[in-house]
Amino acid sequence: MLDYKLVIVLLALGAYFHYKKKPQWDKILVILILFFFIYIPTVASFDQSYVIAANPRAILTPSWWTALNWIKNNTEECAVVATYWDPGHFITGIARRPVVYDGGTQNALAQFNKSSVDLNSKAFQDPTMFTIEGNTVVRSRMKDMATTLFTDDEELAYDILKLYRGNCSEMYYLASWDLIGKSQWWSYFSTWEPNKATGNKYFYIPLQLSMKKEGEDGSTNYVFSLGQNQAIVINEKTAGGQTIMTPVLKQGPSFTKISKLFYFENGKAFMQQYQGAEVEGMVWLDPSKQSLFFIPKELENSMFTRLFFFQGQGLKHFEFVNNWGGEVKLFKVKFD
């Protein structure tokens, strides 16, 4: 296939030699204008399309493909699928469903008629989340969706989502694996303070098992290295027929207990809390004990943690629908 850039060059050279003997500056000017208004946007669009077509697997995993096609075939066409902005174009392009925002609208403001919203709802308790201009309520899509991930208040997340529901009877919410690594951004935008022009960043810390050591007392220590002589150690021992698990943070020769541990034993899930623990936060240990996440206290009860790590258990307005490979989890927003 002839390279598109070469085609443009040949066209330009042809125009040049055509008018070389007898310059016609008005026609040359038209060519230059057409060059900038047709060539540049065409090339930009072509480059993006080429990258997506040439590297589909680097962009969407099989779990994502399956999830998006399931959504396309099993939800109402008008149903908004809410999540962070990154997969927005794929949701609209593959699942054929509307979204709250995407890469092209992540900085766009949402506008609502003042008479159509409930100014007494939790979505309007924080004055930094909206402005009122005459009969129009203006909100940041970025801050709204980031808040639905970061807040520990389900009612606040629910009231925000109601604003973006539209006229459809259905609305869905996606919690996906990639958002773990993006927590610094959605926590930052959720806590953004306009007057200070700053926000707070919080991180999930993923760790892989470094070694498994048997203790002198018959216990087993699962060591997850943090580097520089630091590690999270899970001590496992049996006493009175029961398994006792204790998470500690090792820093050099010192050991400090971590306040919470969520783990699985014989197919059952357990949440253990430790009184007097010096380190606040939760360790989420996967069933194989091969990996864990340290979840700081600021993210422990966030909506994302409750949806992704705990399948939405205990939530009133979010009904678990499906899970694809542990990577993409879909919830239906239950409206009153």
C-alpha atoms as a PDB file:
ATOM      1  CA  MET A   1       0.000   0.000   0.000  1.00  0.00           C
ATOM      2  CA  LEU A   2       1.309   3.475  -0.939  1.00  0.00           C
ATOM      3  CA  ASP A   3       2.138   5.425   2.206  1.00  0.00           C
ATOM      4  CA  TYR A   4      -0.404   8.202   2.782  1.00  0.00           C
ATOM      5  CA  LYS A   5       2.350  10.701   3.598  1.00  0.00           C
ATOM      6  CA  LEU A   6       4.011   9.998   0.245  1.00  0.00           C
ATOM      7  CA  VAL A   7       0.698  10.635  -1.503  1.00  0.00           C
ATOM      8  CA  ILE A   8       0.454  14.044   0.158  1.00  0.00           C
ATOM      9  CA  VAL A   9       4.020  14.897  -0.839  1.00  0.00           C
ATOM     10  CA  LEU A  10       3.364  13.901  -4.478  1.00  0.00           C
ATOM     11  CA  LEU A  11       0.234  16.035  -4.571  1.00  0.00           C
ATOM     12  CA  ALA A  12       2.137  18.990  -3.195  1.00  0.00           C
ATOM     13  CA  LEU A  13       4.948  18.547  -5.747  1.00  0.00           C
ATOM     14  CA  GLY A  14       2.434  18.238  -8.546  1.00  0.00           C
ATOM     15  CA  ALA A  15       0.798  21.483  -7.527  1.00  0.00           C
ATOM     16  CA  TYR A  16       4.179  23.162  -7.319  1.00  0.00           C
ATOM     17  CA  PHE A  17       5.304  22.179 -10.829  1.00  0.00           C
ATOM     18  CA  HIS A  18       1.890  22.943 -12.273  1.00  0.00           C
ATOM     19  CA  TYR A  19       2.105  26.533 -11.158  1.00  0.00           C
ATOM     20  CA  LYS A  20       5.892  26.898 -11.405  1.00  0.00           C
ATOM     21  CA  LYS A  21       6.010  28.572 -14.795  1.00  0.00           C
ATOM     22  CA  LYS A  22       3.198  30.954 -14.083  1.00  0.00           C
ATOM     23  CA  PRO A  23       2.691  31.625 -10.401  1.00  0.00           C
ATOM     24  CA  GLN A  24      -0.941  31.936  -9.407  1.00  0.00           C
ATOM     25  CA  TRP A  25      -0.713  32.882  -5.760  1.00  0.00           C
ATOM     26  CA  ASP A  26      -4.426  32.782  -5.092  1.00  0.00           C
ATOM     27  CA  LYS A  27      -4.561  29.105  -6.143  1.00  0.00           C
ATOM     28  CA  ILE A  28      -1.413  28.279  -4.200  1.00  0.00           C
ATOM     29  CA  LEU A  29      -2.977  29.866  -1.112  1.00  0.00           C
ATOM     30  CA  VAL A  30      -6.063  27.699  -1.567  1.00  0.00           C
ATOM     31  CA  ILE A  31      -3.854  24.593  -1.763  1.00  0.00           C
ATOM     32  CA  LEU A  32      -2.056  25.533   1.450  1.00  0.00           C
ATOM     33  CA  ILE A  33      -5.337  26.132   3.251  1.00  0.00           C
ATOM     34  CA  LEU A  34      -6.687  22.785   2.070  1.00  0.00           C
ATOM     35  CA  PHE A  35      -3.445  21.160   3.197  1.00  0.00           C
ATOM     36  CA  PHE A  36      -3.872  22.321   6.776  1.00  0.00           C
ATOM     37  CA  PHE A  37      -7.606  21.725   6.992  1.00  0.00           C
ATOM     38  CA  ILE A  38      -7.648  18.306   5.296  1.00  0.00           C
ATOM     39  CA  TYR A  39      -4.202  16.765   5.646  1.00  0.00           C
ATOM     40  CA  ILE A  40      -3.534  17.415   9.319  1.00  0.00           C
ATOM     41  CA  PRO A  41      -6.831  16.118  10.768  1.00  0.00           C
ATOM     42  CA  THR A  42      -6.802  13.206   8.311  1.00  0.00           C
ATOM     43  CA  VAL A  43      -3.291  12.169   9.309  1.00  0.00           C
ATOM     44  CA  ALA A  44      -4.078  12.514  13.010  1.00  0.00           C
ATOM     45  CA  SER A  45      -7.171  10.345  12.626  1.00  0.00           C
ATOM     46  CA  PHE A  46      -5.347   7.829  10.441  1.00  0.00           C
ATOM     47  CA  ASP A  47      -2.460   7.477  12.895  1.00  0.00           C
ATOM     48  CA  GLN A  48      -4.791   6.779  15.837  1.00  0.00           C
ATOM     49  CA  SER A  49      -6.879   4.304  13.837  1.00  0.00           C
ATOM     50  CA  TYR A  50      -3.755   2.553  12.590  1.00  0.00           C
ATOM     51  CA  VAL A  51      -2.358   2.149  16.106  1.00  0.00           C
ATOM     52  CA  ILE A  52      -5.639   0.730  17.406  1.00  0.00           C
ATOM     53  CA  ALA A  53      -6.001  -1.647  14.459  1.00  0.00           C
ATOM     54  CA  ALA A  54      -2.381  -2.783  14.581  1.00  0.00           C
ATOM     55  CA  ASN A  55      -2.308  -3.347  18.354  1.00  0.00           C
ATOM     56  CA  PRO A  56      -5.797  -4.419  19.491  1.00  0.00           C
ATOM     57  CA  ARG A  57      -4.556  -6.858  22.107  1.00  0.00           C
ATOM     58  CA  ALA A  58      -2.401  -4.195  23.731  1.00  0.00           C
ATOM     59  CA  ILE A  59      -5.510  -2.106  24.279  1.00  0.00           C
ATOM     60  CA  LEU A  60      -8.314  -4.524  25.150  1.00  0.00           C
ATOM     61  CA  THR A  61      -7.891  -7.887  26.827  1.00  0.00           C
ATOM     62  CA  PRO A  62     -10.195 -10.852  26.118  1.00  0.00           C
ATOM     63  CA  SER A  63     -12.027 -10.104  29.374  1.00  0.00           C
ATOM     64  CA  TRP A  64     -12.771  -6.577  28.203  1.00  0.00           C
ATOM     65  CA  TRP A  65     -13.939  -7.778  24.786  1.00  0.00           C
ATOM     66  CA  THR A  66     -16.262 -10.306  26.383  1.00  0.00           C
ATOM     67  CA  ALA A  67     -17.589  -7.770  28.889  1.00  0.00           C
ATOM     68  CA  LEU A  68     -18.297  -5.106  26.277  1.00  0.00           C
ATOM     69  CA  ASN A  69     -20.081  -7.539  23.982  1.00  0.00           C
ATOM     70  CA  TRP A  70     -22.111  -8.879  26.906  1.00  0.00           C
ATOM     71  CA  ILE A  71     -23.176  -5.327  27.752  1.00  0.00           C
ATOM     72  CA  LYS A  72     -24.111  -4.729  24.118  1.00  0.00           C
ATOM     73  CA  ASN A  73     -26.318  -7.828  24.009  1.00  0.00           C
ATOM     74  CA  ASN A  74     -27.845  -7.769  27.492  1.00  0.00           C
ATOM     75  CA  THR A  75     -28.618  -4.176  28.455  1.00  0.00           C
ATOM     76  CA  GLU A  76     -31.009  -1.551  27.166  1.00  0.00           C
ATOM     77  CA  GLU A  77     -29.605   0.592  24.371  1.00  0.00           C
ATOM     78  CA  CYS A  78     -30.204   3.755  26.377  1.00  0.00           C
ATOM     79  CA  ALA A  79     -28.421   2.460  29.504  1.00  0.00           C
ATOM     80  CA  VAL A  80     -25.532   4.678  30.603  1.00  0.00           C
ATOM     81  CA  VAL A  81     -22.405   2.758  31.655  1.00  0.00           C
ATOM     82  CA  ALA A  82     -20.570   4.828  34.255  1.00  0.00           C
ATOM     83  CA  THR A  83     -16.898   4.414  35.131  1.00  0.00           C
ATOM     84  CA  TYR A  84     -13.632   6.346  34.898  1.00  0.00           C
ATOM     85  CA  TRP A  85     -12.989   8.006  31.533  1.00  0.00           C
ATOM     86  CA  ASP A  86     -10.322   5.663  30.082  1.00  0.00           C
ATOM     87  CA  PRO A  87     -12.557   2.947  28.532  1.00  0.00           C
ATOM     88  CA  GLY A  88     -15.232   5.427  27.456  1.00  0.00           C
ATOM     89  CA  HIS A  89     -14.553   5.208  23.710  1.00  0.00           C
ATOM     90  CA  PHE A  90     -14.543   1.408  23.841  1.00  0.00           C
ATOM     91  CA  ILE A  91     -17.854   1.321  25.693  1.00  0.00           C
ATOM     92  CA  THR A  92     -19.496   3.567  23.102  1.00  0.00           C
ATOM     93  CA  GLY A  93     -17.718   1.962  20.144  1.00  0.00           C
ATOM     94  CA  ILE A  94     -18.016  -1.732  21.028  1.00  0.00           C
ATOM     95  CA  ALA A  95     -20.802  -2.011  23.611  1.00  0.00           C
ATOM     96  CA  ARG A  96     -22.747   0.762  21.852  1.00  0.00           C
ATOM     97  CA  ARG A  97     -23.773   2.320  25.138  1.00  0.00           C
ATOM     98  CA  PRO A  98     -23.581   5.938  26.307  1.00  0.00           C
ATOM     99  CA  VAL A  99     -21.055   6.919  28.969  1.00  0.00           C
ATOM    100  CA  VAL A 100     -20.655   9.821  31.382  1.00  0.00           C
ATOM    101  CA  TYR A 101     -17.373  10.846  29.785  1.00  0.00           C
ATOM    102  CA  ASP A 102     -14.396   9.590  27.801  1.00  0.00           C
ATOM    103  CA  GLY A 103     -10.978  10.737  26.641  1.00  0.00           C
ATOM    104  CA  GLY A 104     -12.505  13.509  24.562  1.00  0.00           C
ATOM    105  CA  THR A 105     -14.839  14.837  27.255  1.00  0.00           C
ATOM    106  CA  GLN A 106     -12.904  14.184  30.463  1.00  0.00           C
ATOM    107  CA  ASN A 107     -12.462  17.922  31.010  1.00  0.00           C
ATOM    108  CA  ALA A 108     -15.929  18.872  29.773  1.00  0.00           C
ATOM    109  CA  LEU A 109     -18.437  20.329  32.190  1.00  0.00           C
ATOM    110  CA  ALA A 110     -21.895  18.854  32.652  1.00  0.00           C
ATOM    111  CA  GLN A 111     -24.865  21.203  32.657  1.00  0.00           C
ATOM    112  CA  PHE A 112     -28.260  20.533  34.209  1.00  0.00           C
ATOM    113  CA  ASN A 113     -31.426  22.568  34.385  1.00  0.00           C
ATOM    114  CA  LYS A 114     -31.778  23.806  37.949  1.00  0.00           C
ATOM    115  CA  SER A 115     -35.395  22.672  38.127  1.00  0.00           C
ATOM    116  CA  SER A 116     -34.475  19.101  37.129  1.00  0.00           C
ATOM    117  CA  VAL A 117     -32.103  18.352  40.030  1.00  0.00           C
ATOM    118  CA  ASP A 118     -32.570  17.911  43.763  1.00  0.00           C
ATOM    119  CA  LEU A 119     -30.388  20.584  45.351  1.00  0.00           C
ATOM    120  CA  ASN A 120     -31.004  18.972  48.748  1.00  0.00           C
ATOM    121  CA  SER A 121     -29.398  15.673  47.752  1.00  0.00           C
ATOM    122  CA  LYS A 122     -25.911  14.693  48.871  1.00  0.00           C
ATOM    123  CA  ALA A 123     -24.605  15.510  45.406  1.00  0.00           C
ATOM    124  CA  PHE A 124     -25.007  19.189  46.296  1.00  0.00           C
ATOM    125  CA  GLN A 125     -23.718  19.265  49.869  1.00  0.00           C
ATOM    126  CA  ASP A 126     -20.143  20.075  48.826  1.00  0.00           C
ATOM    127  CA  PRO A 127     -20.062  23.577  47.267  1.00  0.00           C
ATOM    128  CA  THR A 128     -16.803  22.788  45.437  1.00  0.00           C
ATOM    129  CA  MET A 129     -18.629  20.227  43.281  1.00  0.00           C
ATOM    130  CA  PHE A 130     -20.952  22.598  41.431  1.00  0.00           C
ATOM    131  CA  THR A 131     -21.797  26.168  40.487  1.00  0.00           C
ATOM    132  CA  ILE A 132     -25.143  27.709  39.622  1.00  0.00           C
ATOM    133  CA  GLU A 133     -25.339  30.117  36.709  1.00  0.00           C
ATOM    134  CA  GLY A 134     -28.872  31.429  36.420  1.00  0.00           C
ATOM    135  CA  ASN A 135     -31.077  28.386  35.845  1.00  0.00           C
ATOM    136  CA  THR A 136     -28.130  26.151  34.981  1.00  0.00           C
ATOM    137  CA  VAL A 137     -26.219  23.885  37.352  1.00  0.00           C
ATOM    138  CA  VAL A 138     -22.644  23.247  36.214  1.00  0.00           C
ATOM    139  CA  ARG A 139     -20.571  20.292  37.409  1.00  0.00           C
ATOM    140  CA  SER A 140     -17.244  18.657  36.568  1.00  0.00           C
ATOM    141  CA  ARG A 141     -17.667  15.206  35.040  1.00  0.00           C
ATOM    142  CA  MET A 142     -14.142  14.322  36.142  1.00  0.00           C
ATOM    143  CA  LYS A 143     -14.711  15.236  39.776  1.00  0.00           C
ATOM    144  CA  ASP A 144     -18.123  13.577  39.845  1.00  0.00           C
ATOM    145  CA  MET A 145     -16.964  10.205  38.527  1.00  0.00           C
ATOM    146  CA  ALA A 146     -13.763  10.298  40.574  1.00  0.00           C
ATOM    147  CA  THR A 147     -15.902  10.902  43.648  1.00  0.00           C
ATOM    148  CA  THR A 148     -18.114   7.888  42.913  1.00  0.00           C
ATOM    149  CA  LEU A 149     -14.925   5.809  43.079  1.00  0.00           C
ATOM    150  CA  PHE A 150     -13.282   7.458  46.084  1.00  0.00           C
ATOM    151  CA  THR A 151     -16.126   8.282  48.453  1.00  0.00           C
ATOM    152  CA  ASP A 152     -17.043   5.937  51.297  1.00  0.00           C
ATOM    153  CA  ASP A 153     -20.607   7.291  51.209  1.00  0.00           C
ATOM    154  CA  GLU A 154     -22.789   5.109  48.993  1.00  0.00           C
ATOM    155  CA  GLU A 155     -25.635   7.627  49.050  1.00  0.00           C
ATOM    156  CA  LEU A 156     -23.340  10.345  47.710  1.00  0.00           C
ATOM    157  CA  ALA A 157     -22.177   8.103  44.858  1.00  0.00           C
ATOM    158  CA  TYR A 158     -25.788   7.151  44.150  1.00  0.00           C
ATOM    159  CA  ASP A 159     -27.012  10.768  44.092  1.00  0.00           C
ATOM    160  CA  ILE A 160     -24.217  11.754  41.700  1.00  0.00           C
ATOM    161  CA  LEU A 161     -25.030   8.893  39.327  1.00  0.00           C
ATOM    162  CA  LYS A 162     -28.707   9.861  39.295  1.00  0.00           C
ATOM    163  CA  LEU A 163     -27.700  13.126  37.633  1.00  0.00           C
ATOM    164  CA  TYR A 164     -26.239  11.243  34.663  1.00  0.00           C
ATOM    165  CA  ARG A 165     -28.881   8.549  34.303  1.00  0.00           C
ATOM    166  CA  GLY A 166     -30.851  10.282  31.560  1.00  0.00           C
ATOM    167  CA  ASN A 167     -34.318   8.998  30.716  1.00  0.00           C
ATOM    168  CA  CYS A 168     -33.401   5.319  30.714  1.00  0.00           C
ATOM    169  CA  SER A 169     -34.754   2.804  33.213  1.00  0.00           C
ATOM    170  CA  GLU A 170     -31.300   1.176  33.496  1.00  0.00           C
ATOM    171  CA  MET A 171     -27.831   2.367  34.475  1.00  0.00           C
ATOM    172  CA  TYR A 172     -24.661   0.355  35.068  1.00  0.00           C
ATOM    173  CA  TYR A 173     -21.346   0.885  36.816  1.00  0.00           C
ATOM    174  CA  LEU A 174     -18.006  -0.701  35.879  1.00  0.00           C
ATOM    175  CA  ALA A 175     -15.228  -1.415  38.385  1.00  0.00           C
ATOM    176  CA  SER A 176     -12.158  -2.719  36.570  1.00  0.00           C
ATOM    177  CA  TRP A 177      -8.681  -3.977  37.445  1.00  0.00           C
ATOM    178  CA  ASP A 178      -6.888  -1.086  35.743  1.00  0.00           C
ATOM    179  CA  LEU A 179      -8.447   1.385  38.186  1.00  0.00           C
ATOM    180  CA  ILE A 180      -6.295  -0.058  40.970  1.00  0.00           C
ATOM    181  CA  GLY A 181      -3.216   1.467  39.360  1.00  0.00           C
ATOM    182  CA  LYS A 182      -5.077   4.702  38.635  1.00  0.00           C
ATOM    183  CA  SER A 183      -6.210   5.303  42.219  1.00  0.00           C
ATOM    184  CA  GLN A 184      -3.743   8.155  42.588  1.00  0.00           C
ATOM    185  CA  TRP A 185      -5.633  10.041  39.877  1.00  0.00           C
ATOM    186  CA  TRP A 186      -9.229   9.394  40.831  1.00  0.00           C
ATOM    187  CA  SER A 187      -8.473  10.079  44.494  1.00  0.00           C
ATOM    188  CA  TYR A 188      -6.660  13.260  43.424  1.00  0.00           C
ATOM    189  CA  PHE A 189      -9.522  14.589  41.302  1.00  0.00           C
ATOM    190  CA  SER A 190     -12.111  13.608  43.893  1.00  0.00           C
ATOM    191  CA  THR A 191     -10.321  15.576  46.629  1.00  0.00           C
ATOM    192  CA  TRP A 192      -9.381  18.478  44.348  1.00  0.00           C
ATOM    193  CA  GLU A 193      -9.851  21.831  46.087  1.00  0.00           C
ATOM    194  CA  PRO A 194     -10.219  24.712  43.604  1.00  0.00           C
ATOM    195  CA  ASN A 195      -9.039  27.340  46.095  1.00  0.00           C
ATOM    196  CA  LYS A 196      -5.832  25.424  46.789  1.00  0.00           C
ATOM    197  CA  ALA A 197      -5.513  23.987  43.276  1.00  0.00           C
ATOM    198  CA  THR A 198      -4.505  20.638  44.707  1.00  0.00           C
ATOM    199  CA  GLY A 199      -5.826  17.243  45.762  1.00  0.00           C
ATOM    200  CA  ASN A 200      -4.652  14.151  47.647  1.00  0.00           C
ATOM    201  CA  LYS A 201      -3.255  11.002  46.042  1.00  0.00           C
ATOM    202  CA  TYR A 202      -3.715   7.561  47.578  1.00  0.00           C
ATOM    203  CA  PHE A 203      -2.304   4.285  46.293  1.00  0.00           C
ATOM    204  CA  TYR A 204      -3.085   0.578  46.450  1.00  0.00           C
ATOM    205  CA  ILE A 205       0.205  -1.276  46.925  1.00  0.00           C
ATOM    206  CA  PRO A 206       0.343  -4.649  45.104  1.00  0.00           C
ATOM    207  CA  LEU A 207       2.969  -7.149  46.269  1.00  0.00           C
ATOM    208  CA  GLN A 208       4.035 -10.612  45.130  1.00  0.00           C
ATOM    209  CA  LEU A 209       5.187 -13.393  47.440  1.00  0.00           C
ATOM    210  CA  SER A 210       8.975 -13.209  47.818  1.00  0.00           C
ATOM    211  CA  MET A 211       9.516 -16.220  50.049  1.00  0.00           C
ATOM    212  CA  LYS A 212       7.813 -18.638  52.392  1.00  0.00           C
ATOM    213  CA  LYS A 213       9.653 -19.401  55.635  1.00  0.00           C
ATOM    214  CA  GLU A 214       8.886 -21.894  58.363  1.00  0.00           C
ATOM    215  CA  GLY A 215       9.155 -20.477  61.881  1.00  0.00           C
ATOM    216  CA  GLU A 216      10.675 -22.227  64.889  1.00  0.00           C
ATOM    217  CA  ASP A 217       7.263 -22.338  66.568  1.00  0.00           C
ATOM    218  CA  GLY A 218       5.747 -24.267  63.660  1.00  0.00           C
ATOM    219  CA  SER A 219       4.210 -21.191  62.085  1.00  0.00           C
ATOM    220  CA  THR A 220       4.618 -20.152  58.461  1.00  0.00           C
ATOM    221  CA  ASN A 221       5.725 -16.694  57.372  1.00  0.00           C
ATOM    222  CA  TYR A 222       4.704 -15.400  53.953  1.00  0.00           C
ATOM    223  CA  VAL A 223       7.088 -12.596  53.041  1.00  0.00           C
ATOM    224  CA  PHE A 224       6.090  -9.912  50.519  1.00  0.00           C
ATOM    225  CA  SER A 225       9.067  -7.656  49.907  1.00  0.00           C
ATOM    226  CA  LEU A 226       8.784  -3.882  49.728  1.00  0.00           C
ATOM    227  CA  GLY A 227      12.496  -3.502  49.022  1.00  0.00           C
ATOM    228  CA  GLN A 228      15.215  -1.832  51.127  1.00  0.00           C
ATOM    229  CA  ASN A 229      14.861  -4.356  53.954  1.00  0.00           C
ATOM    230  CA  GLN A 230      11.121  -3.760  54.249  1.00  0.00           C
ATOM    231  CA  ALA A 231       8.320  -6.261  53.788  1.00  0.00           C
ATOM    232  CA  ILE A 232       4.789  -7.163  54.725  1.00  0.00           C
ATOM    233  CA  VAL A 233       4.849 -10.517  56.495  1.00  0.00           C
ATOM    234  CA  ILE A 234       1.791 -12.700  57.052  1.00  0.00           C
ATOM    235  CA  ASN A 235       2.329 -15.046  59.990  1.00  0.00           C
ATOM    236  CA  GLU A 236       0.139 -18.149  59.874  1.00  0.00           C
ATOM    237  CA  LYS A 237      -0.145 -20.612  62.722  1.00  0.00           C
ATOM    238  CA  THR A 238      -2.591 -23.139  64.096  1.00  0.00           C
ATOM    239  CA  ALA A 239      -3.803 -23.039  67.690  1.00  0.00           C
ATOM    240  CA  GLY A 240      -6.665 -25.042  69.163  1.00  0.00           C
ATOM    241  CA  GLY A 241      -7.622 -26.306  65.732  1.00  0.00           C
ATOM    242  CA  GLN A 242      -7.975 -22.769  64.380  1.00  0.00           C
ATOM    243  CA  THR A 243      -5.822 -20.926  61.886  1.00  0.00           C
ATOM    244  CA  ILE A 244      -4.520 -17.591  63.125  1.00  0.00           C
ATOM    245  CA  MET A 245      -3.241 -15.072  60.579  1.00  0.00           C
ATOM    246  CA  THR A 246      -1.351 -11.939  61.609  1.00  0.00           C
ATOM    247  CA  PRO A 247      -0.095  -9.219  59.221  1.00  0.00           C
ATOM    248  CA  VAL A 248       2.967  -7.202  60.201  1.00  0.00           C
ATOM    249  CA  LEU A 249       5.131  -4.567  58.574  1.00  0.00           C
ATOM    250  CA  LYS A 250       8.831  -5.367  58.773  1.00  0.00           C
ATOM    251  CA  GLN A 251      11.204  -2.404  58.663  1.00  0.00           C
ATOM    252  CA  GLY A 252      14.736  -3.536  59.308  1.00  0.00           C
ATOM    253  CA  PRO A 253      14.781  -5.374  62.650  1.00  0.00           C
ATOM    254  CA  SER A 254      11.424  -3.970  63.826  1.00  0.00           C
ATOM    255  CA  PHE A 255       7.962  -5.458  63.308  1.00  0.00           C
ATOM    256  CA  THR A 256       4.686  -3.506  63.627  1.00  0.00           C
ATOM    257  CA  LYS A 257       1.212  -4.996  63.384  1.00  0.00           C
ATOM    258  CA  ILE A 258      -1.195  -3.924  60.618  1.00  0.00           C
ATOM    259  CA  SER A 259      -4.756  -3.178  61.719  1.00  0.00           C
ATOM    260  CA  LYS A 260      -6.800  -5.347  59.291  1.00  0.00           C
ATOM    261  CA  LEU A 261      -6.422  -8.510  57.244  1.00  0.00           C
ATOM    262  CA  PHE A 262      -8.882  -9.911  54.719  1.00  0.00           C
ATOM    263  CA  TYR A 263      -8.087 -13.484  53.700  1.00  0.00           C
ATOM    264  CA  PHE A 264      -9.571 -16.758  52.506  1.00  0.00           C
ATOM    265  CA  GLU A 265      -9.441 -20.091  54.288  1.00  0.00           C
ATOM    266  CA  ASN A 266     -10.990 -23.283  52.894  1.00  0.00           C
ATOM    267  CA  GLY A 267     -13.039 -21.269  50.422  1.00  0.00           C
ATOM    268  CA  LYS A 268     -14.425 -18.908  53.059  1.00  0.00           C
ATOM    269  CA  ALA A 269     -13.602 -15.223  53.456  1.00  0.00           C
ATOM    270  CA  PHE A 270     -12.539 -13.734  56.780  1.00  0.00           C
ATOM    271  CA  MET A 271     -11.933 -10.183  57.970  1.00  0.00           C
ATOM    272  CA  GLN A 272      -9.664  -9.943  61.000  1.00  0.00           C
ATOM    273  CA  GLN A 273      -9.081  -6.750  62.979  1.00  0.00           C
ATOM    274  CA  TYR A 274      -6.197  -6.270  65.393  1.00  0.00           C
ATOM    275  CA  GLN A 275      -6.579  -4.022  68.408  1.00  0.00           C
ATOM    276  CA  GLY A 276      -3.687  -1.719  69.163  1.00  0.00           C
ATOM    277  CA  ALA A 277      -2.118  -2.175  65.722  1.00  0.00           C
ATOM    278  CA  GLU A 278       0.411   0.525  64.920  1.00  0.00           C
ATOM    279  CA  VAL A 279      -0.113   0.559  61.130  1.00  0.00           C
ATOM    280  CA  GLU A 280      -3.516   1.672  59.873  1.00  0.00           C
ATOM    281  CA  GLY A 281      -4.803   0.072  56.705  1.00  0.00           C
ATOM    282  CA  MET A 282      -5.901  -3.289  55.358  1.00  0.00           C
ATOM    283  CA  VAL A 283      -4.063  -6.207  53.802  1.00  0.00           C
ATOM    284  CA  TRP A 284      -6.134  -8.016  51.163  1.00  0.00           C
ATOM    285  CA  LEU A 285      -4.577 -11.464  50.703  1.00  0.00           C
ATOM    286  CA  ASP A 286      -5.553 -13.464  47.637  1.00  0.00           C
ATOM    287  CA  PRO A 287      -6.699 -17.086  48.141  1.00  0.00           C
ATOM    288  CA  SER A 288      -3.454 -18.565  46.796  1.00  0.00           C
ATOM    289  CA  LYS A 289      -1.366 -16.455  49.195  1.00  0.00           C
ATOM    290  CA  GLN A 290       0.831 -15.577  46.232  1.00  0.00           C
ATOM    291  CA  SER A 291      -0.059 -11.893  46.169  1.00  0.00           C
ATOM    292  CA  LEU A 292      -1.636  -9.197  48.282  1.00  0.00           C
ATOM    293  CA  PHE A 293      -2.717  -5.581  48.234  1.00  0.00           C
ATOM    294  CA  PHE A 294      -2.022  -3.142  51.008  1.00  0.00           C
ATOM    295  CA  ILE A 295      -4.970  -0.758  51.081  1.00  0.00           C
ATOM    296  CA  PRO A 296      -4.387   2.500  53.013  1.00  0.00           C
ATOM    297  CA  LYS A 297      -7.090   3.613  55.428  1.00  0.00           C
ATOM    298  CA  GLU A 298      -8.215   6.364  53.012  1.00  0.00           C
ATOM    299  CA  LEU A 299      -9.151   3.718  50.425  1.00  0.00           C
ATOM    300  CA  GLU A 300     -10.377   0.953  52.752  1.00  0.00           C
ATOM    301  CA  ASN A 301     -14.054   1.852  52.474  1.00  0.00           C
ATOM    302  CA  SER A 302     -13.988   3.625  49.130  1.00  0.00           C
ATOM    303  CA  MET A 303     -16.712   2.646  46.709  1.00  0.00           C
ATOM    304  CA  PHE A 304     -14.118   1.173  44.371  1.00  0.00           C
ATOM    305  CA  THR A 305     -12.682  -1.050  47.116  1.00  0.00           C
ATOM    306  CA  ARG A 306     -16.145  -2.228  48.102  1.00  0.00           C
ATOM    307  CA  LEU A 307     -17.170  -2.893  44.517  1.00  0.00           C
ATOM    308  CA  PHE A 308     -14.017  -4.419  43.061  1.00  0.00           C
ATOM    309  CA  PHE A 309     -12.481  -6.248  46.027  1.00  0.00           C
ATOM    310  CA  PHE A 310     -15.728  -7.166  47.815  1.00  0.00           C
ATOM    311  CA  GLN A 311     -18.200  -7.580  44.927  1.00  0.00           C
ATOM    312  CA  GLY A 312     -20.426  -4.807  46.311  1.00  0.00           C
ATOM    313  CA  GLN A 313     -21.434  -6.795  49.385  1.00  0.00           C
ATOM    314  CA  GLY A 314     -23.569  -4.778  51.781  1.00  0.00           C
ATOM    315  CA  LEU A 315     -24.339  -2.040  49.258  1.00  0.00           C
ATOM    316  CA  LYS A 316     -27.944  -1.000  48.764  1.00  0.00           C
ATOM    317  CA  HIS A 317     -27.891   0.665  45.351  1.00  0.00           C
ATOM    318  CA  PHE A 318     -25.326  -1.446  43.487  1.00  0.00           C
ATOM    319  CA  GLU A 319     -26.309  -4.948  42.403  1.00  0.00           C
ATOM    320  CA  PHE A 320     -23.561  -7.278  41.187  1.00  0.00           C
ATOM    321  CA  VAL A 321     -24.258  -8.442  37.627  1.00  0.00           C
ATOM    322  CA  ASN A 322     -21.196 -10.160  36.194  1.00  0.00           C
ATOM    323  CA  ASN A 323     -17.445 -10.665  36.495  1.00  0.00           C
ATOM    324  CA  TRP A 324     -15.089 -11.268  33.588  1.00  0.00           C
ATOM    325  CA  GLY A 325     -11.803 -12.879  34.560  1.00  0.00           C
ATOM    326  CA  GLY A 326     -11.564 -10.915  37.790  1.00  0.00           C
ATOM    327  CA  GLU A 327     -10.663  -7.958  35.577  1.00  0.00           C
ATOM    328  CA  VAL A 328     -13.980  -6.306  34.745  1.00  0.00           C
ATOM    329  CA  LYS A 329     -16.909  -6.260  37.157  1.00  0.00           C
ATOM    330  CA  LEU A 330     -20.328  -4.899  36.268  1.00  0.00           C
ATOM    331  CA  PHE A 331     -22.968  -3.586  38.662  1.00  0.00           C
ATOM    332  CA  LYS A 332     -26.502  -2.401  38.054  1.00  0.00           C
ATOM    333  CA  VAL A 333     -27.442   0.838  39.758  1.00  0.00           C
ATOM    334  CA  LYS A 334     -30.712   0.238  41.590  1.00  0.00           C
ATOM    335  CA  PHE A 335     -32.895   3.339  41.611  1.00  0.00           C
ATOM    336  CA  ASP A 336     -35.705   3.898  44.083  1.00  0.00           C
END
